[in-house]
C-alpha atoms as a PDB file:
ATOM      1  CA  MET A   1     119.548 160.076  70.862  1.00  0.00           C
ATOM      2  CA  SER A   2     121.823 160.085  67.844  1.00  0.00           C
ATOM      3  CA  LEU A   3     124.891 162.119  66.905  1.00  0.00           C
ATOM      4  CA  PRO A   4     123.597 166.052  66.279  1.00  0.00           C
ATOM      5  CA  ALA A   5     125.224 167.480  63.145  1.00  0.00           C
ATOM      6  CA  PRO A   6     128.762 168.616  63.680  1.00  0.00           C
ATOM      7  CA  TYR A   7     129.377 172.165  64.324  1.00  0.00           C
ATOM      8  CA  TYR A   8     132.388 171.937  62.522  1.00  0.00           C
ATOM      9  CA  GLN A   9     134.229 169.149  60.698  1.00  0.00           C
ATOM     10  CA  ASP A  10     137.076 168.497  58.525  1.00  0.00           C
ATOM     11  CA  ASP A  11     139.939 165.694  58.240  1.00  0.00           C
ATOM     12  CA  ALA A  12     141.014 165.445  61.380  1.00  0.00           C
ATOM     13  CA  VAL A  13     138.502 166.938  63.990  1.00  0.00           C
ATOM     14  CA  THR A  14     135.033 167.259  64.778  1.00  0.00           C
ATOM     15  CA  ILE A  15     133.504 169.418  66.902  1.00  0.00           C
ATOM     16  CA  TYR A  16     129.951 169.327  68.537  1.00  0.00           C
ATOM     17  CA  HIS A  17     128.310 172.263  70.242  1.00  0.00           C
ATOM     18  CA  GLY A  18     125.903 170.836  73.041  1.00  0.00           C
ATOM     19  CA  ASP A  19     125.848 169.082  76.447  1.00  0.00           C
ATOM     20  CA  CYS A  20     128.404 166.659  76.701  1.00  0.00           C
ATOM     21  CA  ARG A  21     125.933 164.566  78.700  1.00  0.00           C
ATOM     22  CA  GLU A  22     123.849 164.241  75.955  1.00  0.00           C
ATOM     23  CA  ILE A  23     126.677 163.782  72.926  1.00  0.00           C
ATOM     24  CA  MET A  24     129.154 161.783  74.947  1.00  0.00           C
ATOM     25  CA  PRO A  25     127.154 158.109  75.037  1.00  0.00           C
ATOM     26  CA  GLU A  26     127.034 158.359  71.367  1.00  0.00           C
ATOM     27  CA  ILE A  27     130.762 158.541  70.781  1.00  0.00           C
ATOM     28  CA  PRO A  28     132.764 156.118  69.928  1.00  0.00           C
ATOM     29  CA  MET A  29     135.417 154.691  71.833  1.00  0.00           C
ATOM     30  CA  VAL A  30     138.837 156.570  71.695  1.00  0.00           C
ATOM     31  CA  ASP A  31     142.532 156.035  72.546  1.00  0.00           C
ATOM     32  CA  LEU A  32     142.687 159.038  74.815  1.00  0.00           C
ATOM     33  CA  LEU A  33     140.538 161.454  77.029  1.00  0.00           C
ATOM     34  CA  LEU A  34     142.729 164.665  77.323  1.00  0.00           C
ATOM     35  CA  THR A  35     140.785 167.476  78.855  1.00  0.00           C
ATOM     36  CA  ASP A  36     140.405 170.366  81.333  1.00  0.00           C
ATOM     37  CA  PRO A  37     136.843 170.421  83.169  1.00  0.00           C
ATOM     38  CA  PRO A  38     135.636 173.119  85.477  1.00  0.00           C
ATOM     39  CA  TYR A  39     137.326 172.750  89.168  1.00  0.00           C
ATOM     40  CA  GLY A  40     134.465 174.454  90.912  1.00  0.00           C
ATOM     41  CA  ILE A  41     137.200 177.067  92.487  1.00  0.00           C
ATOM     42  CA  GLY A  42     135.314 180.149  90.815  1.00  0.00           C
ATOM     43  CA  ALA A  43     138.414 181.199  88.943  1.00  0.00           C
ATOM     44  CA  ALA A  44     136.970 182.497  85.973  1.00  0.00           C
ATOM     45  CA  ARG A  45     134.823 185.045  87.739  1.00  0.00           C
ATOM     46  CA  ARG A  46     137.807 186.723  89.262  1.00  0.00           C
ATOM     47  CA  GLY A  47     137.673 189.677  86.924  1.00  0.00           C
ATOM     48  CA  ARG A  48     141.033 190.729  87.614  1.00  0.00           C
ATOM     49  CA  GLY A  49     144.462 190.430  86.689  1.00  0.00           C
ATOM     50  CA  GLY A  50     147.147 188.556  88.380  1.00  0.00           C
ATOM     51  CA  ARG A  51     149.105 190.318  90.850  1.00  0.00           C
ATOM     52  CA  GLN A  52     152.911 190.117  91.137  1.00  0.00           C
ATOM     53  CA  ASP A  53     155.435 191.647  93.304  1.00  0.00           C
ATOM     54  CA  GLY A  54     152.808 193.712  94.525  1.00  0.00           C
ATOM     55  CA  ALA A  55     151.394 194.977  91.012  1.00  0.00           C
ATOM     56  CA  ALA A  56     149.016 193.546  88.660  1.00  0.00           C
ATOM     57  CA  VAL A  57     150.726 192.534  85.718  1.00  0.00           C
ATOM     58  CA  ALA A  58     147.807 193.278  83.109  1.00  0.00           C
ATOM     59  CA  PRO A  59     144.359 194.386  83.149  1.00  0.00           C
ATOM     60  CA  SER A  60     141.771 191.818  83.083  1.00  0.00           C
ATOM     61  CA  LYS A  61     140.795 190.279  79.600  1.00  0.00           C
ATOM     62  CA  ASP A  62     136.771 190.422  79.936  1.00  0.00           C
ATOM     63  CA  TYR A  63     135.299 186.898  78.912  1.00  0.00           C
ATOM     64  CA  GLY A  64     131.989 187.756  79.980  1.00  0.00           C
ATOM     65  CA  ASP A  65     129.569 185.466  82.159  1.00  0.00           C
ATOM     66  CA  ALA A  66     132.090 182.998  83.756  1.00  0.00           C
ATOM     67  CA  ARG A  67     129.854 181.135  86.111  1.00  0.00           C
ATOM     68  CA  TRP A  68     130.567 177.707  84.746  1.00  0.00           C
ATOM     69  CA  ASP A  69     133.645 177.401  87.157  1.00  0.00           C
ATOM     70  CA  ASP A  70     130.948 178.110  90.268  1.00  0.00           C
ATOM     71  CA  ARG A  71     131.223 173.823  90.987  1.00  0.00           C
ATOM     72  CA  PRO A  72     132.773 170.959  89.602  1.00  0.00           C
ATOM     73  CA  VAL A  73     130.956 168.770  87.046  1.00  0.00           C
ATOM     74  CA  GLU A  74     129.183 166.021  88.128  1.00  0.00           C
ATOM     75  CA  ASP A  75     131.359 162.688  89.217  1.00  0.00           C
ATOM     76  CA  SER A  76     129.244 160.493  86.792  1.00  0.00           C
ATOM     77  CA  LEU A  77     129.824 162.773  84.502  1.00  0.00           C
ATOM     78  CA  ILE A  78     133.667 162.323  84.605  1.00  0.00           C
ATOM     79  CA  ALA A  79     133.228 158.594  85.036  1.00  0.00           C
ATOM     80  CA  GLN A  80     131.154 158.810  81.629  1.00  0.00           C
ATOM     81  CA  ALA A  81     134.366 160.410  79.989  1.00  0.00           C
ATOM     82  CA  VAL A  82     136.381 157.805  81.588  1.00  0.00           C
ATOM     83  CA  ALA A  83     134.576 154.951  80.123  1.00  0.00           C
ATOM     84  CA  ARG A  84     134.609 156.225  76.692  1.00  0.00           C
ATOM     85  CA  SER A  85     138.620 155.969  76.347  1.00  0.00           C
ATOM     86  CA  ARG A  86     141.395 153.952  76.833  1.00  0.00           C
ATOM     87  CA  TRP A  87     143.784 156.151  78.231  1.00  0.00           C
ATOM     88  CA  GLN A  88     143.237 159.451  80.532  1.00  0.00           C
ATOM     89  CA  ILE A  89     144.704 162.657  81.529  1.00  0.00           C
ATOM     90  CA  VAL A  90     142.541 164.984  83.322  1.00  0.00           C
ATOM     91  CA  PHE A  91     143.807 168.290  83.995  1.00  0.00           C
ATOM     92  CA  GLY A  92     142.670 169.222  87.574  1.00  0.00           C
ATOM     93  CA  GLY A  93     141.757 165.806  88.616  1.00  0.00           C
ATOM     94  CA  GLN A  94     142.690 166.740  92.340  1.00  0.00           C
ATOM     95  CA  PHE A  95     139.177 168.302  92.530  1.00  0.00           C
ATOM     96  CA  TYR A  96     137.542 165.120  91.815  1.00  0.00           C
ATOM     97  CA  ARG A  97     136.885 162.436  94.264  1.00  0.00           C
ATOM     98  CA  VAL A  98     136.131 159.613  92.065  1.00  0.00           C
ATOM     99  CA  LEU A  99     139.192 159.516  90.245  1.00  0.00           C
ATOM    100  CA  PRO A 100     141.089 156.811  92.021  1.00  0.00           C
ATOM    101  CA  PRO A 101     144.758 157.588  93.629  1.00  0.00           C
ATOM    102  CA  ARG A 102     147.499 156.886  90.932  1.00  0.00           C
ATOM    103  CA  ARG A 103     151.141 157.076  90.185  1.00  0.00           C
ATOM    104  CA  CYS A 104     151.528 159.025  87.023  1.00  0.00           C
ATOM    105  CA  TRP A 105     150.757 162.821  87.708  1.00  0.00           C
ATOM    106  CA  LEU A 106     151.530 165.527  84.702  1.00  0.00           C
ATOM    107  CA  VAL A 107     152.946 168.906  86.528  1.00  0.00           C
ATOM    108  CA  TRP A 108     152.577 171.818  84.661  1.00  0.00           C
ATOM    109  CA  ASP A 109     155.399 174.180  85.988  1.00  0.00           C
ATOM    110  CA  LYS A 110     153.825 177.697  85.191  1.00  0.00           C
ATOM    111  CA  ASP A 111     157.181 179.879  86.281  1.00  0.00           C
ATOM    112  CA  ASN A 112     154.896 182.957  86.812  1.00  0.00           C
ATOM    113  CA  GLY A 113     156.957 184.143  89.770  1.00  0.00           C
ATOM    114  CA  ALA A 114     155.654 185.447  93.057  1.00  0.00           C
ATOM    115  CA  ASN A 115     151.888 185.943  92.369  1.00  0.00           C
ATOM    116  CA  ASP A 116     148.432 185.146  93.916  1.00  0.00           C
ATOM    117  CA  TYR A 117     147.805 181.862  91.536  1.00  0.00           C
ATOM    118  CA  GLY A 118     149.176 178.597  91.873  1.00  0.00           C
ATOM    119  CA  ASP A 119     152.752 177.552  90.486  1.00  0.00           C
ATOM    120  CA  CYS A 120     151.696 174.444  89.225  1.00  0.00           C
ATOM    121  CA  GLU A 121     148.617 172.691  87.777  1.00  0.00           C
ATOM    122  CA  MET A 122     148.424 168.975  88.064  1.00  0.00           C
ATOM    123  CA  ALA A 123     146.551 166.137  85.657  1.00  0.00           C
ATOM    124  CA  TRP A 124     145.283 163.311  86.693  1.00  0.00           C
ATOM    125  CA  THR A 125     146.493 160.471  84.830  1.00  0.00           C
ATOM    126  CA  ASN A 126     145.914 156.599  84.396  1.00  0.00           C
ATOM    127  CA  LEU A 127     149.147 155.894  82.497  1.00  0.00           C
ATOM    128  CA  GLU A 128     151.989 154.007  84.135  1.00  0.00           C
ATOM    129  CA  GLY A 129     154.988 155.528  84.999  1.00  0.00           C
ATOM    130  CA  PRO A 130     156.863 158.578  87.135  1.00  0.00           C
ATOM    131  CA  ILE A 131     155.429 161.974  87.651  1.00  0.00           C
ATOM    132  CA  ARG A 132     156.297 164.376  84.665  1.00  0.00           C
ATOM    133  CA  ARG A 133     156.999 167.638  84.937  1.00  0.00           C
ATOM    134  CA  LEU A 134     157.260 170.298  82.206  1.00  0.00           C
ATOM    135  CA  ARG A 135     158.092 174.273  82.804  1.00  0.00           C
ATOM    136  CA  TYR A 136     156.468 176.384  80.776  1.00  0.00           C
ATOM    137  CA  ARG A 137     155.701 179.983  81.232  1.00  0.00           C
ATOM    138  CA  TRP A 138     152.116 181.430  81.125  1.00  0.00           C
ATOM    139  CA  HIS A 139     150.869 184.261  83.334  1.00  0.00           C
ATOM    140  CA  GLY A 140     149.041 186.535  81.401  1.00  0.00           C
ATOM    141  CA  MET A 141     151.036 188.692  78.768  1.00  0.00           C
ATOM    142  CA  LEU A 142     154.137 186.997  80.178  1.00  0.00           C
ATOM    143  CA  GLN A 143     154.432 183.948  77.740  1.00  0.00           C
ATOM    144  CA  GLU A 144     157.071 181.373  77.530  1.00  0.00           C
ATOM    145  CA  PRO A 145     160.432 183.265  75.860  1.00  0.00           C
ATOM    146  CA  GLY A 146     160.917 182.176  72.138  1.00  0.00           C
ATOM    147  CA  ARG A 147     157.509 181.024  71.780  1.00  0.00           C
ATOM    148  CA  VAL A 148     154.655 182.437  69.504  1.00  0.00           C
ATOM    149  CA  HIS A 149     152.403 184.251  71.611  1.00  0.00           C
ATOM    150  CA  GLU A 150     149.050 182.825  72.097  1.00  0.00           C
ATOM    151  CA  ILE A 151     145.873 184.791  72.409  1.00  0.00           C
ATOM    152  CA  ARG A 152     143.817 183.956  75.655  1.00  0.00           C
ATOM    153  CA  GLU A 153     140.421 183.410  74.330  1.00  0.00           C
ATOM    154  CA  HIS A 154     138.993 181.172  77.543  1.00  0.00           C
ATOM    155  CA  PRO A 155     139.820 182.332  80.973  1.00  0.00           C
ATOM    156  CA  MET A 156     141.162 178.652  81.663  1.00  0.00           C
ATOM    157  CA  GLN A 157     143.218 178.053  78.325  1.00  0.00           C
ATOM    158  CA  LYS A 158     146.379 176.235  78.504  1.00  0.00           C
ATOM    159  CA  PRO A 159     149.217 176.462  76.219  1.00  0.00           C
ATOM    160  CA  LEU A 160     149.412 174.599  73.371  1.00  0.00           C
ATOM    161  CA  GLU A 161     152.711 173.634  73.779  1.00  0.00           C
ATOM    162  CA  VAL A 162     151.395 171.981  77.398  1.00  0.00           C
ATOM    163  CA  ILE A 163     148.681 170.391  75.562  1.00  0.00           C
ATOM    164  CA  LYS A 164     150.935 169.048  73.017  1.00  0.00           C
ATOM    165  CA  TRP A 165     153.435 167.782  75.838  1.00  0.00           C
ATOM    166  CA  ALA A 166     150.834 166.148  77.590  1.00  0.00           C
ATOM    167  CA  MET A 167     149.263 164.320  74.547  1.00  0.00           C
ATOM    168  CA  LEU A 168     152.589 162.637  73.617  1.00  0.00           C
ATOM    169  CA  LYS A 169     152.665 161.243  77.114  1.00  0.00           C
ATOM    170  CA  ALA A 170     149.985 158.736  76.113  1.00  0.00           C
ATOM    171  CA  PRO A 171     151.075 155.290  74.983  1.00  0.00           C
ATOM    172  CA  SER A 172     148.502 155.840  72.244  1.00  0.00           C
ATOM    173  CA  SER A 173     146.742 159.162  71.063  1.00  0.00           C
ATOM    174  CA  GLU A 174     145.155 158.443  67.625  1.00  0.00           C
ATOM    175  CA  ARG A 175     141.745 159.359  68.466  1.00  0.00           C
ATOM    176  CA  VAL A 176     141.275 162.303  71.235  1.00  0.00           C
ATOM    177  CA  LEU A 177     138.306 163.251  73.148  1.00  0.00           C
ATOM    178  CA  ASP A 178     137.614 166.485  75.058  1.00  0.00           C
ATOM    179  CA  PRO A 179     133.971 167.109  76.170  1.00  0.00           C
ATOM    180  CA  PHE A 180     134.791 170.041  77.992  1.00  0.00           C
ATOM    181  CA  MET A 181     136.644 171.652  74.925  1.00  0.00           C
ATOM    182  CA  GLY A 182     136.511 175.138  75.460  1.00  0.00           C
ATOM    183  CA  SER A 183     138.273 177.305  72.994  1.00  0.00           C
ATOM    184  CA  GLY A 184     139.855 174.378  71.136  1.00  0.00           C
ATOM    185  CA  THR A 185     143.435 173.546  72.343  1.00  0.00           C
ATOM    186  CA  THR A 186     142.977 169.881  72.844  1.00  0.00           C
ATOM    187  CA  LEU A 187     141.973 169.905  69.225  1.00  0.00           C
ATOM    188  CA  ARG A 188     144.083 172.211  67.765  1.00  0.00           C
ATOM    189  CA  ALA A 189     147.080 170.199  69.747  1.00  0.00           C
ATOM    190  CA  ALA A 190     145.825 166.866  68.095  1.00  0.00           C
ATOM    191  CA  LYS A 191     145.354 168.293  64.757  1.00  0.00           C
ATOM    192  CA  ASP A 192     149.095 169.698  64.407  1.00  0.00           C
ATOM    193  CA  LEU A 193     150.407 166.150  65.758  1.00  0.00           C
ATOM    194  CA  GLY A 194     148.354 164.339  63.251  1.00  0.00           C
ATOM    195  CA  ARG A 195     145.736 162.912  65.261  1.00  0.00           C
ATOM    196  CA  LYS A 196     142.282 162.952  65.075  1.00  0.00           C
ATOM    197  CA  ALA A 197     139.925 164.634  67.530  1.00  0.00           C
ATOM    198  CA  ILE A 198     136.456 165.010  68.972  1.00  0.00           C
ATOM    199  CA  GLY A 199     135.538 168.064  70.894  1.00  0.00           C
ATOM    200  CA  ILE A 200     132.170 169.164  72.970  1.00  0.00           C
ATOM    201  CA  GLU A 201     131.544 172.514  73.954  1.00  0.00           C
ATOM    202  CA  ILE A 202     127.983 173.715  75.301  1.00  0.00           C
ATOM    203  CA  GLU A 203     128.849 177.414  75.045  1.00  0.00           C
ATOM    204  CA  GLU A 204     128.388 178.539  71.383  1.00  0.00           C
ATOM    205  CA  ARG A 205     130.688 181.209  71.548  1.00  0.00           C
ATOM    206  CA  TYR A 206     133.663 179.170  72.243  1.00  0.00           C
ATOM    207  CA  ALA A 207     132.692 176.087  69.591  1.00  0.00           C
ATOM    208  CA  GLU A 208     132.926 179.066  67.136  1.00  0.00           C
ATOM    209  CA  ILE A 209     136.836 180.119  68.481  1.00  0.00           C
ATOM    210  CA  ALA A 210     137.382 176.719  68.312  1.00  0.00           C
ATOM    211  CA  ALA A 211     136.636 176.433  64.739  1.00  0.00           C
ATOM    212  CA  ARG A 212     138.034 179.241  63.579  1.00  0.00           C
ATOM    213  CA  ARG A 213     141.415 177.894  65.152  1.00  0.00           C
ATOM    214  CA  MET A 214     140.969 174.407  63.312  1.00  0.00           C
ATOM    215  CA  GLU A 215     141.010 176.295  60.047  1.00  0.00           C
ATOM    216  CA  GLN A 216     144.361 177.601  60.688  1.00  0.00           C
ATOM    217  CA  GLU A 217     147.566 176.274  58.790  1.00  0.00           C
ATOM    218  CA  VAL A 218     148.978 173.242  60.586  1.00  0.00           C
ATOM    219  CA  ILE A 219     151.880 174.037  62.476  1.00  0.00           C
ATOM    220  CA  PRO A 220     154.699 171.457  62.180  1.00  0.00           C
ATOM    221  CA  PHE A 221     155.839 170.126  65.748  1.00  0.00           C
ATOM    222  CA  ASP A 222     159.498 169.504  66.595  1.00  0.00           C
ATOM    223  CA  HIS A 223     159.906 166.238  68.684  1.00  0.00           C
ATOM    224  CA  GLU A 224     162.843 163.603  68.245  1.00  0.00           C
ATOM    225  CA  GLU A 225     160.642 160.851  69.687  1.00  0.00           C
ATOM    226  CA  GLN A 226     157.313 160.235  71.599  1.00  0.00           C
ATOM    227  CA  GLY A 227     157.244 162.255  74.980  1.00  0.00           C
ATOM    228  CA  THR A 228     160.661 163.185  75.141  1.00  0.00           C
ATOM    229  CA  ARG A 229     160.875 166.999  73.771  1.00  0.00           C
ATOM    230  CA  VAL A 230     158.731 169.932  73.175  1.00  0.00           C
ATOM    231  CA  SER A 231     160.106 172.383  70.846  1.00  0.00           C
ATOM    232  CA  GLY A 232     163.154 171.913  72.164  1.00  0.00           C
ATOM    233  CA  ARG A 233     162.439 172.306  76.039  1.00  0.00           C
ATOM    234  CA  VAL A 234     163.986 169.182  77.788  1.00  0.00           C
ATOM    235  CA  LEU A 235     161.445 167.628  80.364  1.00  0.00           C
ATOM    236  CA  ALA A 236     162.064 167.182  83.829  1.00  0.00           C
ATOM    237  CA  SER A 237     161.239 163.522  85.491  1.00  0.00           C
ATOM    238  CA  VAL A 238     160.900 163.678  89.293  1.00  0.00           C
ATOM    239  CA  GLU A 239     161.696 159.836  89.375  1.00  0.00           C
ATOM    240  CA  GLY A 240     161.902 156.363  87.674  1.00  0.00           C
ATOM    241  CA  GLU A 241     160.912 155.130  84.451  1.00  0.00           C
ATOM    242  CA  GLU A 242     159.064 155.960  81.491  1.00  0.00           C
ATOM    243  CA  SER A 243     155.795 154.946  80.614  1.00  0.00           C
ATOM    244  CA  THR A 244     154.814 151.947  78.910  1.00  0.00           C
ATOM    245  CA  ASP A 245     152.210 150.287  76.319  1.00  0.00           C
ATOM    246  CA  ALA A 246     150.956 147.933  78.507  1.00  0.00           C
ATOM    247  CA  ASP A 247     147.284 148.101  78.756  1.00  0.00           C
ATOM    248  CA  PRO A 248     145.825 150.328  81.839  1.00  0.00           C
ATOM    249  CA  PRO A 249     143.534 148.612  84.420  1.00  0.00           C
ATOM    250  CA  MET A 250     140.034 149.320  83.028  1.00  0.00           C
ATOM    251  CA  LEU A 251     137.789 151.777  85.696  1.00  0.00           C
ATOM    252  CA  ASP A 252     134.451 150.675  86.509  1.00  0.00           C
ATOM    253  CA  LEU A 253     133.673 154.559  88.421  1.00  0.00           C
ATOM    254  CA  LEU A 254     129.785 154.408  87.072  1.00  0.00           C
ATOM    255  CA  GLY A 255     129.751 151.211  89.106  1.00  0.00           C
ATOM    256  CA  GLU A 256     131.499 152.748  92.091  1.00  0.00           C
ATOM    257  CA  ILE A 257     129.089 155.322  91.981  1.00  0.00           C
ATOM    258  CA  ARG A 258     126.149 153.132  91.943  1.00  0.00           C
ATOM    259  CA  ALA A 259     127.859 150.912  94.458  1.00  0.00           C
ATOM    260  CA  ALA A 260     128.339 153.661  96.846  1.00  0.00           C
ATOM    261  CA  ARG A 261     124.901 155.143  96.661  1.00  0.00           C
ATOM    262  CA  THR A 262     123.224 151.913  97.195  1.00  0.00           C
ATOM    263  CA  ALA A 263     125.464 151.664 100.200  1.00  0.00           C
ATOM    264  CA  LYS A 264     124.177 154.812 101.428  1.00  0.00           C
ATOM    265  CA  GLU A 265     120.561 153.697 100.723  1.00  0.00           C
ATOM    266  CA  VAL A 266     121.193 150.554 103.033  1.00  0.00           C
ATOM    267  CA  ARG A 267     122.194 152.381 106.144  1.00  0.00           C
END
């Protein structure tokens, strides 16, 4: 098939409303895959506010029917997304066995106190270098002090500053792809940073929310050099050296999946 007409398009961003299984094969190669696919943990169906120190922090927002997180997407689809990019940053990568062991993980410390949610979220990458960590508060109405309060439009939405930080860790990110776009945070980050981005979203209500976010005025982003500072907050590293611009090893994950299936049939 050919690419459908964009749901939204401007000089920096293109949004497609549809199934990424059908659209991704028609997308040209990009510099960076930065995405947050469903983890398959049912988090979007919890229907309650998080609890902190024994009390609900805030009433839950009604996001409607959120069954898309009942199971993770297929390994072959993750492999297909990886194959469209030179660099990859995949939040929740620990839930996908198709992604090989790598040294450089990005860790977002949510600074969310004692509660029944995870303290951190991790992103698998194929970047070279050590583990990197950003501390940025995000727990319902409790958000990073001194920053613009963000409206939560999606049950699994990430803070804009966290996505900008991750994007700046990639050696090149002039063209960005997010095939599980949700409310469009990756695209908004790319636009604010002067990048170009393509997003794909299967639910029209989220494609519409993302389109509205793209129409907002670009917010200047305060950084001294690529990957060193996000809005004045110093990043903490766990070990060693910075990422390099060296070409990453090419991953043929689809080939590995086919080989594994063949071996299973032989047995």
